[in-house]
Amino acid sequence: MDAFGIGNGVQGAVNIYCQSARRTGRTTALVESLKDGDRVVFTDRREADRVKHLCKELGVAIDTMVVETTDPSRLFDKGTPTGRTVFDHSWVEKFYMEAIASAQKQIDHFQRETSGFGMAHVETRMKAQEIAKWRI
C-alpha cells in the first residue's frame, strides 16, 4: 500500500494535464509534423483513419497502427517504417496511466509478500490454516 498517496497524486496530476491539454491542437500539430513514410500509433481505429485522411489531404502518405497499450510488443508486428514511428497523444496518455496503476499494484504486492502475518497477510494466513486442517 502506498501509505503516502504518491501514486494517487501522480495519477491526479496526469489526469489534470490530460484534461487541460484537450482542444489545444495536439492532433493538428501532429499531422503538420508528419512526413511521407512515418507511422503513427493509436489506441483507436477511427482516430487512426481520421488522421490518415487528414494527412492524405495534405499530400502526406503515412502508415497507421492500432496497438493496445497493454501489449506494446505488437509495435514490431509490421516491421520498420521508412520514416519515424510517432505515438498519438491518446496512446501516450493511456500508456502512462496504465504504468502508474501497475506501479501501485506492484507496491501493494511487495508489501503484502514481504510483510509478516499481520493485516497484510490475513487472507494468506486464513488459507494456510484451512489447508493445515486437512493435512494428514
C-alpha atoms as a PDB file:
ATOM      1  CA  MET A   1       0.000   0.000   0.000  1.00  0.00           C
ATOM      2  CA  ASP A   2       1.204   3.451  -0.903  1.00  0.00           C
ATOM      3  CA  ALA A   3       0.605   4.997   2.519  1.00  0.00           C
ATOM      4  CA  PHE A   4       1.830   8.362   1.287  1.00  0.00           C
ATOM      5  CA  GLY A   5      -0.603   8.622  -1.628  1.00  0.00           C
ATOM      6  CA  ILE A   6       2.152   9.259  -4.151  1.00  0.00           C
ATOM      7  CA  GLY A   7       0.567   7.046  -6.821  1.00  0.00           C
ATOM      8  CA  ASN A   8      -2.811   8.742  -6.451  1.00  0.00           C
ATOM      9  CA  GLY A   9      -1.119  12.150  -6.600  1.00  0.00           C
ATOM     10  CA  VAL A  10       0.740  11.234  -9.785  1.00  0.00           C
ATOM     11  CA  GLN A  11      -2.473   9.876 -11.325  1.00  0.00           C
ATOM     12  CA  GLY A  12      -4.248  13.083 -10.379  1.00  0.00           C
ATOM     13  CA  ALA A  13      -1.514  15.217 -11.921  1.00  0.00           C
ATOM     14  CA  VAL A  14      -1.625  13.208 -15.149  1.00  0.00           C
ATOM     15  CA  ASN A  15      -5.428  13.491 -15.255  1.00  0.00           C
ATOM     16  CA  ILE A  16      -5.239  17.252 -14.766  1.00  0.00           C
ATOM     17  CA  TYR A  17      -2.646  17.550 -17.527  1.00  0.00           C
ATOM     18  CA  CYS A  18      -4.669  15.382 -19.919  1.00  0.00           C
ATOM     19  CA  GLN A  19      -7.864  17.342 -19.292  1.00  0.00           C
ATOM     20  CA  SER A  20      -6.175  20.723 -19.593  1.00  0.00           C
ATOM     21  CA  ALA A  21      -4.444  19.716 -22.848  1.00  0.00           C
ATOM     22  CA  ARG A  22      -7.742  18.953 -24.586  1.00  0.00           C
ATOM     23  CA  ARG A  23      -8.591  21.118 -27.583  1.00  0.00           C
ATOM     24  CA  THR A  24      -5.091  22.645 -27.727  1.00  0.00           C
ATOM     25  CA  GLY A  25      -4.248  21.476 -31.242  1.00  0.00           C
ATOM     26  CA  ARG A  26      -2.137  18.427 -30.460  1.00  0.00           C
ATOM     27  CA  THR A  27      -3.606  16.421 -33.337  1.00  0.00           C
ATOM     28  CA  THR A  28      -3.193  19.320 -35.753  1.00  0.00           C
ATOM     29  CA  ALA A  29       0.420  19.751 -34.656  1.00  0.00           C
ATOM     30  CA  LEU A  30       0.977  16.010 -35.079  1.00  0.00           C
ATOM     31  CA  VAL A  31      -0.488  15.998 -38.604  1.00  0.00           C
ATOM     32  CA  GLU A  32       1.596  19.028 -39.615  1.00  0.00           C
ATOM     33  CA  SER A  33       4.789  17.378 -38.335  1.00  0.00           C
ATOM     34  CA  LEU A  34       4.360  14.123 -40.252  1.00  0.00           C
ATOM     35  CA  LYS A  35       6.289  13.250 -43.391  1.00  0.00           C
ATOM     36  CA  ASP A  36       5.914  10.552 -46.035  1.00  0.00           C
ATOM     37  CA  GLY A  37       6.724   7.128 -44.608  1.00  0.00           C
ATOM     38  CA  ASP A  38       6.033   7.994 -40.955  1.00  0.00           C
ATOM     39  CA  ARG A  39       3.939   5.604 -38.879  1.00  0.00           C
ATOM     40  CA  VAL A  40       1.563   6.815 -36.176  1.00  0.00           C
ATOM     41  CA  VAL A  41       0.407   4.532 -33.359  1.00  0.00           C
ATOM     42  CA  PHE A  42      -3.129   4.891 -31.997  1.00  0.00           C
ATOM     43  CA  THR A  43      -5.432   3.212 -29.485  1.00  0.00           C
ATOM     44  CA  ASP A  44      -8.490   3.646 -31.710  1.00  0.00           C
ATOM     45  CA  ARG A  45      -9.037   2.686 -35.369  1.00  0.00           C
ATOM     46  CA  ARG A  46     -11.450   5.544 -36.048  1.00  0.00           C
ATOM     47  CA  GLU A  47      -8.922   8.164 -34.900  1.00  0.00           C
ATOM     48  CA  ALA A  48      -6.191   6.442 -36.922  1.00  0.00           C
ATOM     49  CA  ASP A  49      -8.346   6.604 -40.052  1.00  0.00           C
ATOM     50  CA  ARG A  50      -9.231  10.253 -39.379  1.00  0.00           C
ATOM     51  CA  VAL A  51      -5.565  11.297 -39.036  1.00  0.00           C
ATOM     52  CA  LYS A  52      -4.585   9.269 -42.092  1.00  0.00           C
ATOM     53  CA  HIS A  53      -7.295  11.072 -44.073  1.00  0.00           C
ATOM     54  CA  LEU A  54      -6.087  14.483 -42.824  1.00  0.00           C
ATOM     55  CA  CYS A  55      -2.549  13.619 -43.919  1.00  0.00           C
ATOM     56  CA  LYS A  56      -3.778  12.427 -47.312  1.00  0.00           C
ATOM     57  CA  GLU A  57      -5.491  15.796 -47.809  1.00  0.00           C
ATOM     58  CA  LEU A  58      -2.094  17.434 -47.199  1.00  0.00           C
ATOM     59  CA  GLY A  59      -0.416  15.073 -49.662  1.00  0.00           C
ATOM     60  CA  VAL A  60       1.462  13.137 -46.984  1.00  0.00           C
ATOM     61  CA  ALA A  61       1.410   9.321 -47.113  1.00  0.00           C
ATOM     62  CA  ILE A  62       1.611   7.813 -43.635  1.00  0.00           C
ATOM     63  CA  ASP A  63       1.013   4.408 -42.128  1.00  0.00           C
ATOM     64  CA  THR A  64      -1.060   3.870 -39.002  1.00  0.00           C
ATOM     65  CA  MET A  65      -1.217   1.132 -36.406  1.00  0.00           C
ATOM     66  CA  VAL A  66      -3.676   0.439 -33.645  1.00  0.00           C
ATOM     67  CA  VAL A  67      -1.816  -1.131 -30.734  1.00  0.00           C
ATOM     68  CA  GLU A  68      -3.140  -1.789 -27.259  1.00  0.00           C
ATOM     69  CA  THR A  69      -1.020  -0.074 -24.628  1.00  0.00           C
ATOM     70  CA  THR A  70      -1.090  -3.303 -22.629  1.00  0.00           C
ATOM     71  CA  ASP A  71       0.771  -5.103 -25.438  1.00  0.00           C
ATOM     72  CA  PRO A  72       3.309  -2.678 -26.951  1.00  0.00           C
ATOM     73  CA  SER A  73       5.346  -5.599 -28.327  1.00  0.00           C
ATOM     74  CA  ARG A  74       2.831  -5.601 -31.208  1.00  0.00           C
ATOM     75  CA  LEU A  75       4.649  -2.485 -32.448  1.00  0.00           C
ATOM     76  CA  PHE A  76       7.140  -4.870 -34.039  1.00  0.00           C
ATOM     77  CA  ASP A  77       4.497  -6.841 -35.980  1.00  0.00           C
ATOM     78  CA  LYS A  78       4.607  -4.627 -39.086  1.00  0.00           C
ATOM     79  CA  GLY A  79       8.353  -4.219 -39.422  1.00  0.00           C
ATOM     80  CA  THR A  80      10.228  -0.935 -39.569  1.00  0.00           C
ATOM     81  CA  PRO A  81       8.636   2.016 -41.378  1.00  0.00           C
ATOM     82  CA  THR A  82      10.630   4.103 -43.849  1.00  0.00           C
ATOM     83  CA  GLY A  83      10.100   7.116 -41.591  1.00  0.00           C
ATOM     84  CA  ARG A  84       9.629   7.694 -37.885  1.00  0.00           C
ATOM     85  CA  THR A  85       7.293   5.927 -35.506  1.00  0.00           C
ATOM     86  CA  VAL A  86       5.212   8.506 -33.659  1.00  0.00           C
ATOM     87  CA  PHE A  87       2.675   7.937 -30.888  1.00  0.00           C
ATOM     88  CA  ASP A  88      -0.659   9.732 -30.803  1.00  0.00           C
ATOM     89  CA  HIS A  89      -1.222  11.696 -27.581  1.00  0.00           C
ATOM     90  CA  SER A  90      -4.096   9.412 -26.538  1.00  0.00           C
ATOM     91  CA  TRP A  91      -1.813   6.371 -26.740  1.00  0.00           C
ATOM     92  CA  VAL A  92       0.854   8.081 -24.643  1.00  0.00           C
ATOM     93  CA  GLU A  93      -1.666   9.225 -22.023  1.00  0.00           C
ATOM     94  CA  LYS A  94      -3.155   5.750 -21.691  1.00  0.00           C
ATOM     95  CA  PHE A  95       0.293   4.130 -21.535  1.00  0.00           C
ATOM     96  CA  TYR A  96       1.386   6.408 -18.681  1.00  0.00           C
ATOM     97  CA  MET A  97      -1.841   5.895 -16.717  1.00  0.00           C
ATOM     98  CA  GLU A  98      -1.517   2.112 -17.002  1.00  0.00           C
ATOM     99  CA  ALA A  99       2.148   2.256 -15.966  1.00  0.00           C
ATOM    100  CA  ILE A 100       1.246   4.268 -12.866  1.00  0.00           C
ATOM    101  CA  ALA A 101      -1.546   1.827 -11.964  1.00  0.00           C
ATOM    102  CA  SER A 102       0.856  -1.079 -12.479  1.00  0.00           C
ATOM    103  CA  ALA A 103       3.427   0.530 -10.174  1.00  0.00           C
ATOM    104  CA  GLN A 104       0.749   0.933  -7.497  1.00  0.00           C
ATOM    105  CA  LYS A 105      -0.163  -2.762  -7.804  1.00  0.00           C
ATOM    106  CA  GLN A 106       3.491  -3.751  -7.573  1.00  0.00           C
ATOM    107  CA  ILE A 107       3.947  -1.742  -4.389  1.00  0.00           C
ATOM    108  CA  ASP A 108       0.874  -3.443  -2.887  1.00  0.00           C
ATOM    109  CA  HIS A 109       2.263  -6.831  -3.952  1.00  0.00           C
ATOM    110  CA  PHE A 110       5.704  -6.125  -2.488  1.00  0.00           C
ATOM    111  CA  GLN A 111       4.188  -5.002   0.797  1.00  0.00           C
ATOM    112  CA  ARG A 112       1.865  -7.995   1.054  1.00  0.00           C
ATOM    113  CA  GLU A 113       4.530 -10.558   0.146  1.00  0.00           C
ATOM    114  CA  THR A 114       7.297  -9.159   2.343  1.00  0.00           C
ATOM    115  CA  SER A 115       5.177  -8.438   5.418  1.00  0.00           C
ATOM    116  CA  GLY A 116       4.740 -10.676   8.411  1.00  0.00           C
ATOM    117  CA  PHE A 117       1.429 -12.311   9.140  1.00  0.00           C
ATOM    118  CA  GLY A 118      -0.304  -9.120  10.232  1.00  0.00           C
ATOM    119  CA  MET A 119      -3.113  -7.398   8.386  1.00  0.00           C
ATOM    120  CA  ALA A 120      -1.293  -7.584   5.064  1.00  0.00           C
ATOM    121  CA  HIS A 121      -1.450 -11.387   5.214  1.00  0.00           C
ATOM    122  CA  VAL A 122      -4.818 -12.062   6.835  1.00  0.00           C
ATOM    123  CA  GLU A 123      -6.191 -13.818   3.753  1.00  0.00           C
ATOM    124  CA  THR A 124      -2.997 -15.835   3.223  1.00  0.00           C
ATOM    125  CA  ARG A 125      -2.909 -16.851   6.886  1.00  0.00           C
ATOM    126  CA  MET A 126      -6.543 -17.963   6.800  1.00  0.00           C
ATOM    127  CA  LYS A 127      -5.862 -20.076   3.709  1.00  0.00           C
ATOM    128  CA  ALA A 128      -2.810 -21.652   5.360  1.00  0.00           C
ATOM    129  CA  GLN A 129      -4.864 -22.510   8.459  1.00  0.00           C
ATOM    130  CA  GLU A 130      -7.595 -24.074   6.340  1.00  0.00           C
ATOM    131  CA  ILE A 131      -5.082 -26.183   4.405  1.00  0.00           C
ATOM    132  CA  ALA A 132      -3.416 -27.254   7.659  1.00  0.00           C
ATOM    133  CA  LYS A 133      -6.733 -28.618   8.980  1.00  0.00           C
ATOM    134  CA  TRP A 134      -6.936 -31.091   6.108  1.00  0.00           C
ATOM    135  CA  ARG A 135      -3.337 -32.320   6.067  1.00  0.00           C
ATOM    136  CA  ILE A 136      -2.752 -35.916   7.069  1.00  0.00           C
END
